[in-house]
Protein backbone atom coordinates (compact mmCIF):
# COMPACT_ATOMS: atom_id res chain seq x y z
CA MET A 1 0.00 0.00 0.00
CA ARG A 2 1.15 3.54 -0.76
CA LEU A 3 0.62 5.87 2.21
CA GLY A 4 1.05 9.59 2.73
CA LEU A 5 2.14 11.27 5.97
CA ILE A 6 1.44 14.96 6.64
CA GLY A 7 3.38 16.49 9.53
CA LEU A 8 6.88 15.55 10.65
CA GLY A 9 7.12 16.93 14.16
CA ARG A 10 7.81 14.70 17.17
CA ILE A 11 4.87 12.34 16.72
CA GLY A 12 5.01 12.57 12.91
CA ARG A 13 8.61 11.41 12.77
CA PHE A 14 7.81 8.58 15.15
CA HIS A 15 4.89 7.55 12.96
CA ALA A 16 7.08 7.72 9.87
CA GLY A 17 9.44 5.14 11.34
CA THR A 18 6.55 2.91 12.39
CA LEU A 19 4.87 3.10 8.98
CA ARG A 20 8.08 2.40 7.12
CA GLY A 21 8.52 -0.77 9.16
CA LEU A 22 5.11 -2.23 8.30
CA PRO A 23 5.17 -5.02 5.68
CA GLY A 24 1.90 -3.71 4.26
CA VAL A 25 3.39 -0.32 3.40
CA GLY A 26 5.14 -0.51 0.04
CA SER A 27 5.95 3.19 -0.26
CA LEU A 28 5.64 6.31 1.88
CA VAL A 29 5.17 9.92 0.75
CA VAL A 30 5.90 12.63 3.36
CA THR A 31 5.38 16.36 3.66
CA ASP A 32 5.72 19.09 6.28
CA ALA A 33 5.62 22.88 6.49
CA VAL A 34 9.43 22.87 6.82
CA PRO A 35 11.08 21.71 3.55
CA ALA A 36 14.38 20.86 5.22
CA VAL A 37 12.60 18.44 7.55
CA VAL A 38 10.84 16.79 4.62
CA LYS A 39 14.15 16.29 2.83
CA GLN A 40 15.84 14.90 5.95
CA VAL A 41 13.09 12.40 6.80
CA ALA A 42 12.69 11.31 3.18
CA GLU A 43 16.41 10.59 2.91
CA GLN A 44 16.55 8.79 6.27
CA LEU A 45 13.63 6.49 5.50
CA GLY A 46 13.82 6.14 1.74
CA ALA A 47 10.46 7.92 1.44
CA GLU A 48 9.21 10.20 -1.30
CA ALA A 49 8.98 13.94 -0.60
CA ALA A 50 5.98 16.10 -1.48
CA ASP A 51 6.13 19.88 -1.30
CA SER A 52 2.58 20.33 0.04
CA PRO A 53 -0.41 18.38 1.40
CA HIS A 54 -2.19 18.98 -1.92
CA ALA A 55 0.73 17.48 -3.85
CA LEU A 56 0.75 14.51 -1.47
CA LEU A 57 -2.95 13.85 -1.99
CA GLU A 58 -2.38 14.04 -5.75
CA ALA A 59 0.48 11.53 -5.55
CA GLY A 60 -1.73 8.46 -5.83
CA VAL A 61 -1.75 7.49 -2.13
CA ASP A 62 -4.07 4.78 -0.84
CA GLY A 63 -4.39 6.44 2.55
CA VAL A 64 -3.07 9.45 4.44
CA VAL A 65 -1.89 9.93 8.02
CA ILE A 66 -2.35 13.42 9.48
CA ALA A 67 0.14 14.25 12.23
CA ALA A 68 0.36 18.00 11.62
CA SER A 69 -0.55 20.73 14.13
CA THR A 70 -4.03 20.56 15.63
CA GLU A 71 -5.29 23.76 14.01
CA SER A 72 -4.66 22.23 10.58
CA HIS A 73 -6.63 19.03 11.24
CA PRO A 74 -10.04 20.25 10.00
CA SER A 75 -8.77 21.54 6.65
CA LEU A 76 -6.49 18.55 6.04
CA LEU A 77 -9.17 16.03 7.02
CA THR A 78 -11.68 17.74 4.78
CA ALA A 79 -9.24 17.85 1.86
CA ALA A 80 -8.45 14.14 2.19
CA VAL A 81 -12.09 13.10 2.44
CA GLU A 82 -13.04 15.28 -0.54
CA ALA A 83 -10.17 13.69 -2.48
CA GLY A 84 -11.57 10.25 -1.64
CA VAL A 85 -8.48 9.23 0.35
CA PRO A 86 -8.97 7.20 3.58
CA VAL A 87 -7.66 9.16 6.57
CA PHE A 88 -5.91 8.46 9.84
CA CYS A 89 -5.84 11.66 11.93
CA GLU A 90 -4.17 12.20 15.26
CA LYS A 91 -6.41 13.51 18.01
CA PRO A 92 -7.92 15.98 18.54
CA LEU A 93 -10.15 16.69 15.56
CA ALA A 94 -9.83 20.46 16.07
CA THR A 95 -8.63 23.06 18.55
CA THR A 96 -12.02 23.15 20.33
CA ALA A 97 -14.88 20.73 20.76
CA PHE A 98 -17.15 23.20 18.99
CA ASP A 99 -14.89 23.28 15.92
CA ALA A 100 -14.72 19.49 16.07
CA ALA A 101 -18.52 19.29 16.09
CA ALA A 102 -18.69 21.55 13.04
CA LEU A 103 -16.19 19.30 11.25
CA VAL A 104 -18.18 16.16 12.07
CA ARG A 105 -21.35 17.80 10.74
CA ARG A 106 -19.56 18.90 7.57
CA LEU A 107 -18.26 15.41 6.80
CA ASP A 108 -21.34 13.53 7.98
CA GLY A 109 -22.42 11.01 5.38
CA ALA A 110 -19.08 10.87 3.56
CA ALA A 111 -18.20 7.38 2.37
CA VAL A 112 -14.46 7.84 2.96
CA PRO A 113 -13.35 6.04 6.14
CA VAL A 114 -11.66 8.02 8.94
CA GLN A 115 -9.74 6.61 11.91
CA ILE A 116 -8.73 8.84 14.83
CA GLY A 117 -5.48 8.20 16.72
CA PHE A 118 -6.47 6.89 20.13
CA GLN A 119 -3.77 4.24 20.31
CA ARG A 120 -4.75 2.87 23.74
CA ARG A 121 -7.58 0.93 22.11
CA PHE A 122 -4.87 -1.13 20.42
CA ASP A 123 -2.75 -1.80 23.51
CA PRO A 124 -2.88 -5.57 24.28
CA GLY A 125 -3.65 -5.06 27.97
CA VAL A 126 -6.32 -2.45 27.38
CA ALA A 127 -7.88 -4.64 24.68
CA ALA A 128 -7.97 -7.52 27.19
CA VAL A 129 -9.78 -5.32 29.73
CA HIS A 130 -12.27 -4.39 27.01
CA ALA A 131 -12.85 -8.06 26.21
CA ALA A 132 -13.30 -8.97 29.89
CA VAL A 133 -15.87 -6.23 30.43
CA ARG A 134 -17.81 -6.93 27.24
CA SER A 135 -17.86 -10.71 27.83
CA GLY A 136 -19.60 -10.23 31.17
CA GLU A 137 -16.95 -12.10 33.14
CA LEU A 138 -16.60 -9.19 35.57
CA GLY A 139 -20.31 -9.25 36.37
CA TRP A 140 -21.88 -5.82 36.48
CA LEU A 141 -19.33 -3.03 36.34
CA HIS A 142 -19.30 -0.53 39.19
CA THR A 143 -15.97 1.33 38.84
CA VAL A 144 -13.38 2.08 36.16
CA ARG A 145 -10.10 3.86 36.87
CA SER A 146 -7.84 5.35 34.22
CA THR A 147 -4.49 6.95 34.99
CA THR A 148 -2.07 8.98 32.88
CA LEU A 149 0.96 10.31 34.72
CA ASP A 150 3.62 12.03 32.60
CA PRO A 151 7.23 12.00 33.87
CA ALA A 152 7.76 15.69 33.01
CA PRO A 153 5.71 18.49 31.45
CA PRO A 154 5.91 19.38 27.77
CA PRO A 155 7.20 22.87 26.84
CA ARG A 156 5.11 25.90 27.75
CA ALA A 157 4.39 26.68 24.07
CA TYR A 158 2.94 23.20 23.58
CA ILE A 159 0.71 23.41 26.65
CA ALA A 160 -0.54 26.86 25.66
CA ALA A 161 -1.77 25.52 22.31
CA SER A 162 -2.78 22.02 23.42
CA GLY A 163 -6.26 22.76 24.73
CA GLY A 164 -5.24 22.04 28.31
CA MET A 165 -4.99 19.03 30.57
CA PHE A 166 -8.39 17.57 29.76
CA ARG A 167 -8.25 17.92 25.95
CA ASP A 168 -4.58 17.02 25.58
CA CYS A 169 -3.94 14.36 28.22
CA GLY A 170 -7.18 13.30 29.92
CA VAL A 171 -8.99 12.89 26.60
CA HIS A 172 -7.15 9.58 26.12
CA ASP A 173 -8.60 8.37 29.42
CA PHE A 174 -12.07 9.62 28.52
CA ASP A 175 -11.95 7.77 25.21
CA VAL A 176 -10.73 4.51 26.69
CA VAL A 177 -13.30 4.37 29.49
CA ARG A 178 -16.09 5.00 26.98
CA TRP A 179 -14.68 2.23 24.81
CA ILE A 180 -14.30 -0.44 27.48
CA THR A 181 -17.64 0.23 29.14
CA GLY A 182 -19.66 0.79 25.99
CA ARG A 183 -21.53 3.47 27.96
CA GLU A 184 -21.79 7.25 27.75
CA VAL A 185 -20.61 9.71 30.41
CA VAL A 186 -23.51 11.90 31.56
CA GLU A 187 -21.89 13.97 34.32
CA VAL A 188 -18.41 15.01 35.42
CA TYR A 189 -16.81 16.64 38.42
CA ALA A 190 -13.26 17.86 37.84
CA THR A 191 -10.68 19.48 40.06
CA GLY A 192 -7.05 20.42 39.56
CA SER A 193 -4.04 22.11 41.07
CA ASN A 194 -0.73 23.73 40.22
CA LYS A 195 2.30 22.96 42.35
CA GLY A 196 4.86 22.86 39.54
CA GLU A 197 5.86 25.48 36.98
CA ALA A 198 4.07 28.81 37.44
CA TRP A 199 3.37 29.08 33.72
CA PHE A 200 0.67 26.40 33.91
CA SER A 201 -1.49 28.94 35.73
CA GLU A 202 -0.39 31.69 33.37
CA VAL A 203 -1.73 29.77 30.36
CA GLY A 204 -4.93 28.82 32.19
CA ASP A 205 -4.11 25.16 32.76
CA VAL A 206 -3.42 22.79 35.66
CA ASP A 207 -0.51 20.40 36.08
CA THR A 208 -2.47 17.81 38.09
CA SER A 209 -6.13 16.86 37.82
CA ALA A 210 -8.71 14.40 39.08
CA VAL A 211 -12.11 13.69 37.55
CA VAL A 212 -15.15 11.74 38.72
CA LEU A 213 -17.28 10.48 35.83
CA THR A 214 -20.85 9.20 36.08
CA PHE A 215 -21.98 6.92 33.26
CA ASP A 216 -25.53 6.55 31.99
CA ASP A 217 -25.95 3.19 33.79
CA GLY A 218 -24.58 4.38 37.14
CA THR A 219 -21.04 3.08 36.69
CA LEU A 220 -18.46 5.45 38.17
CA GLY A 221 -15.17 6.43 36.55
CA LEU A 222 -12.08 7.95 38.17
CA VAL A 223 -9.47 9.65 35.99
CA SER A 224 -6.14 10.85 37.38
CA ASN A 225 -3.60 12.93 35.42
CA THR A 226 -0.39 14.79 36.20
CA ARG A 227 2.58 16.28 34.37
CA TYR A 228 4.94 15.44 37.26
CA ASN A 229 5.57 11.74 37.79
CA ALA A 230 9.35 11.70 37.95
CA ARG A 231 9.64 7.93 38.26
CA GLY A 232 8.35 7.39 34.71
CA TYR A 233 5.39 7.28 32.35
CA ASP A 234 2.50 5.62 34.14
CA VAL A 235 -0.64 4.58 32.26
CA ARG A 236 -3.00 2.12 33.96
CA LEU A 237 -6.56 1.03 33.48
CA GLU A 238 -8.72 -0.83 36.01
CA ALA A 239 -12.18 -2.30 35.69
CA HIS A 240 -13.98 -3.47 38.84
CA GLY A 241 -17.16 -5.53 38.71
CA SER A 242 -19.43 -7.56 40.95
CA ALA A 243 -17.66 -10.80 39.98
CA ASP A 244 -14.04 -9.88 39.25
CA SER A 245 -11.54 -7.04 38.75
CA VAL A 246 -8.88 -6.65 36.05
CA ALA A 247 -6.15 -4.16 35.21
CA ALA A 248 -3.86 -3.17 32.35
CA GLY A 249 -0.49 -1.50 32.86
CA LEU A 250 0.59 -3.56 35.88
CA ASP A 251 3.74 -4.95 34.28
CA ASP A 252 7.32 -4.95 35.51
CA ARG A 253 7.93 -1.50 34.00
CA LEU A 254 5.23 0.15 36.10
CA PRO A 255 6.82 3.36 37.48
CA LEU A 256 5.65 2.82 41.05
CA ARG A 257 7.86 1.72 43.95
CA SER A 258 6.39 -0.73 46.43
CA VAL A 259 7.56 -0.29 50.02
CA ASP A 260 5.91 -3.44 51.39
CA PRO A 261 8.45 -5.83 53.00
CA GLY A 262 9.63 -8.56 50.64
CA VAL A 263 7.81 -7.21 47.59
CA ARG A 264 9.99 -6.95 44.50
CA PHE A 265 7.31 -5.85 42.04
CA PRO A 266 7.81 -4.01 39.83
CA ALA A 267 11.37 -5.10 39.09
CA GLY A 268 11.88 -3.62 35.62
CA GLU A 269 13.04 -0.27 34.27
CA PRO A 270 10.15 2.24 34.22
CA TYR A 271 8.81 3.54 30.91
CA PRO A 272 10.51 6.91 30.26
CA PHE A 273 8.08 8.16 27.59
CA PHE A 274 4.69 7.44 26.00
CA MET A 275 6.29 6.23 22.77
CA ASP A 276 8.02 3.44 24.70
CA ARG A 277 4.88 2.53 26.65
CA PHE A 278 2.73 2.30 23.52
CA ALA A 279 5.15 1.19 20.80
CA ARG A 280 3.15 -2.00 20.16
CA ALA A 281 -0.14 -0.13 20.23
CA TYR A 282 1.01 2.42 17.65
CA ARG A 283 2.07 -0.36 15.33
CA ALA A 284 -1.22 -2.22 15.84
CA GLU A 285 -3.35 0.86 15.16
CA PHE A 286 -1.59 1.46 11.86
CA GLU A 287 -1.94 -2.19 10.91
CA ALA A 288 -5.65 -1.71 11.55
CA PHE A 289 -5.67 1.48 9.47
CA LEU A 290 -4.22 -0.39 6.50
CA GLU A 291 -7.26 -2.66 6.69
CA VAL A 292 -9.58 0.33 7.06
CA ALA A 293 -7.99 1.97 4.01
CA ALA A 294 -8.32 -1.29 2.07
CA GLY A 295 -12.02 -1.46 2.96
CA THR A 296 -11.73 -4.79 4.79
CA ARG A 297 -12.70 -3.53 8.27
CA PRO A 298 -14.53 -0.52 9.74
CA SER A 299 -12.74 2.17 11.72
CA ARG A 300 -12.42 1.24 15.38
CA CYS A 301 -12.22 4.89 16.41
CA THR A 302 -14.44 7.25 14.44
CA MET A 303 -14.81 11.01 14.38
CA ALA A 304 -17.97 10.58 16.46
CA ASP A 305 -15.92 8.73 19.10
CA ALA A 306 -13.33 11.49 19.17
CA LEU A 307 -16.04 14.15 19.49
CA ALA A 308 -17.68 12.28 22.39
CA ALA A 309 -14.36 12.32 24.30
CA ASP A 310 -13.98 16.02 23.44
CA TRP A 311 -17.36 16.85 24.99
CA ILE A 312 -16.32 15.09 28.20
CA ALA A 313 -13.14 17.18 28.23
CA GLU A 314 -15.19 20.33 27.60
CA ALA A 315 -17.46 19.50 30.53
CA CYS A 316 -14.40 18.91 32.72
CA GLY A 317 -13.00 22.32 31.85
CA LEU A 318 -16.25 24.00 32.86
CA SER A 319 -16.45 21.93 36.05
CA LEU A 320 -12.91 22.94 37.01
CA ARG A 321 -13.58 26.63 36.40
CA GLU A 322 -16.92 26.72 38.22
CA HIS A 323 -16.19 24.16 40.97
CA ARG A 324 -19.34 22.15 40.36
CA PRO A 325 -20.64 18.99 38.70
CA VAL A 326 -21.45 19.50 35.00
CA ARG A 327 -23.80 17.48 32.81
CA VAL A 328 -22.20 16.65 29.44
CA ASP A 329 -25.46 17.56 27.71
CA ASP A 330 -25.07 21.08 29.09
CA VAL A 331 -21.95 21.70 26.96
CA ARG A 332 -22.73 19.53 23.94
CA ILE A 333 -24.18 21.25 20.85
């Protein structure tokens, strides 16, 4: 298959290496706003260079991966769909949930498949939790817990343009708890604090947050996020039911130190970064996208899924600002 890749920043370069290593990718066409970067990546990976997204879409690609800046996602997604090219787009769909909703309405009914980059759905452990919940082996579900603890904060400029803790970081947790439960979040209560760099407050964000989610069947969700987990990159998912409890992320690289006498778990080196933690998941989601682009399977993560997680994040932002529970329907348009 001949794929295109738009955007060669940190995640774009990582994706380029992953895509080039897939047996199903015969050739790769890349482009970026910085010509020197395009030339460098193309030479490193033996890829073809395109001087613009338009030229890339005209290059006979079977699918396109969008890893460019968030503000460009709506226009690039629209251009790809209108060109009839299957699309993989990194989250989020747009800079705000309201812009994302407008994009979903604009492309509603299009026959071109779109997959959004929520790679946790493709993590083996997370997928096993999903299977356990959906099979009924846990009994009725009463609590889900999702944790994302970054070892260090991104740069100030990134945070200022990211949409904040809930839309940049917590949105992965919101998506995965929706996916494993198969239920919708109806109400949130969010709180947060700043004990790290002062610029988090200056850009209107928090460096640590906690959210209580209430699902439409009464299941409760707990989401914990921080930018300061010096021991390593910690992503865990728990599902607790009336008959059993399961967890993903409790391997020997868990960045948590037990102080119980005689306990040697975890014994491995902690994950230093999200790319290490989810290397297998990123590969698996692109393998799935090749099938989506070929028309042999539906998208596992649609624009509607991404928008649903965005509305939860939007409700969390309002809850944080106003110090009160917020119904998701109160922010959704």
